[in-house]
Protein backbone atom coordinates (compact mmCIF):
# COMPACT_ATOMS: atom_id res chain seq x y z
CA MET A 1 28.74 161.85 136.55
CA ARG A 2 31.82 162.46 134.41
CA PHE A 3 33.82 159.58 132.96
CA GLN A 4 37.50 160.54 133.09
CA VAL A 5 38.42 157.93 130.50
CA LEU A 6 36.59 159.95 127.83
CA TYR A 7 39.38 162.51 127.99
CA TYR A 8 41.58 160.02 126.15
CA VAL A 9 39.03 158.96 123.54
CA HIS A 10 39.62 160.16 119.97
CA ASN A 11 36.78 162.19 118.44
CA SER A 12 36.00 159.52 115.85
CA VAL A 13 35.51 156.91 118.61
CA LEU A 14 33.41 159.36 120.60
CA PHE A 15 31.05 159.87 117.66
CA ASP A 16 30.88 156.14 116.92
CA VAL A 17 29.84 155.47 120.52
CA LEU A 18 27.32 158.32 120.34
CA LEU A 19 25.80 156.85 117.16
CA GLY A 20 25.71 153.41 118.77
CA ALA A 21 24.01 154.77 121.88
CA ASN A 22 21.47 156.50 119.68
CA ASN A 23 20.77 153.33 117.65
CA LEU A 24 20.42 151.28 120.85
CA ASP A 25 18.23 153.99 122.38
CA ASP A 26 20.52 154.14 125.43
CA LYS A 27 19.60 157.52 126.88
CA GLU A 28 22.17 157.50 129.69
CA LEU A 29 25.12 156.72 127.40
CA LYS A 30 23.85 159.17 124.79
CA ASP A 31 23.62 161.92 127.43
CA VAL A 32 27.19 161.23 128.57
CA MET A 33 28.51 161.34 125.00
CA ILE A 34 26.62 164.55 124.18
CA GLN A 35 27.96 166.18 127.35
CA GLU A 36 31.49 165.20 126.36
CA VAL A 37 31.09 166.74 122.91
CA ALA A 38 29.67 169.90 124.50
CA GLU A 39 32.63 170.14 126.87
CA ARG A 40 35.08 169.70 124.01
CA ILE A 41 33.61 172.61 122.01
CA THR A 42 32.86 175.01 124.87
CA GLY A 43 34.89 178.19 124.60
CA LYS A 44 36.23 177.46 121.12
CA THR A 45 35.81 179.61 118.06
CA PRO A 46 34.01 178.20 115.01
CA LYS A 47 37.42 177.79 113.32
CA GLU A 48 38.81 175.85 116.30
CA LYS A 49 35.71 173.61 116.32
CA ARG A 50 36.16 172.85 112.62
CA GLU A 51 39.81 171.97 113.21
CA GLU A 52 39.01 169.83 116.28
CA PHE A 53 36.39 167.75 114.47
CA ARG A 54 37.85 168.02 110.95
CA ILE A 55 34.78 169.75 109.55
CA VAL A 56 35.21 171.07 106.03
CA SER A 57 33.15 174.13 105.14
CA ASP A 58 30.91 173.81 102.09
CA TYR A 59 30.84 177.58 101.70
CA THR A 60 33.01 179.68 99.46
CA PRO A 61 34.68 182.59 101.29
CA LYS A 62 32.03 184.91 99.82
CA GLY A 63 29.19 182.59 100.86
CA GLU A 64 30.58 182.24 104.37
CA GLU A 65 30.83 186.01 104.73
CA GLU A 66 27.18 186.33 103.69
CA VAL A 67 26.08 183.75 106.27
CA ARG A 68 28.13 185.49 108.97
CA ARG A 69 26.53 188.82 108.08
CA GLU A 70 22.99 187.38 108.11
CA ASN A 71 23.57 185.53 111.39
CA ALA A 72 25.91 187.88 113.22
CA TRP A 73 24.36 186.96 116.57
CA GLY A 74 25.81 183.46 116.26
CA PHE A 75 29.37 184.70 115.84
CA GLU A 76 29.54 187.08 118.80
């Protein structure tokens, strides 16, 4: 079952609810939140995912290139 209201929820709220569901051990709510996150990242490039969730890379450009080379299967 998909909750349409989640479409309007900001990512920070989504993650707060997910953490709350995890702490309360609410499997149903946790599953809904995880599905929503999965739907938001499906079909996006790693760069788009970082922008969407404001993830800052810890790698230097050289370090990132090395990781991409070692794990090329994950960037196909």
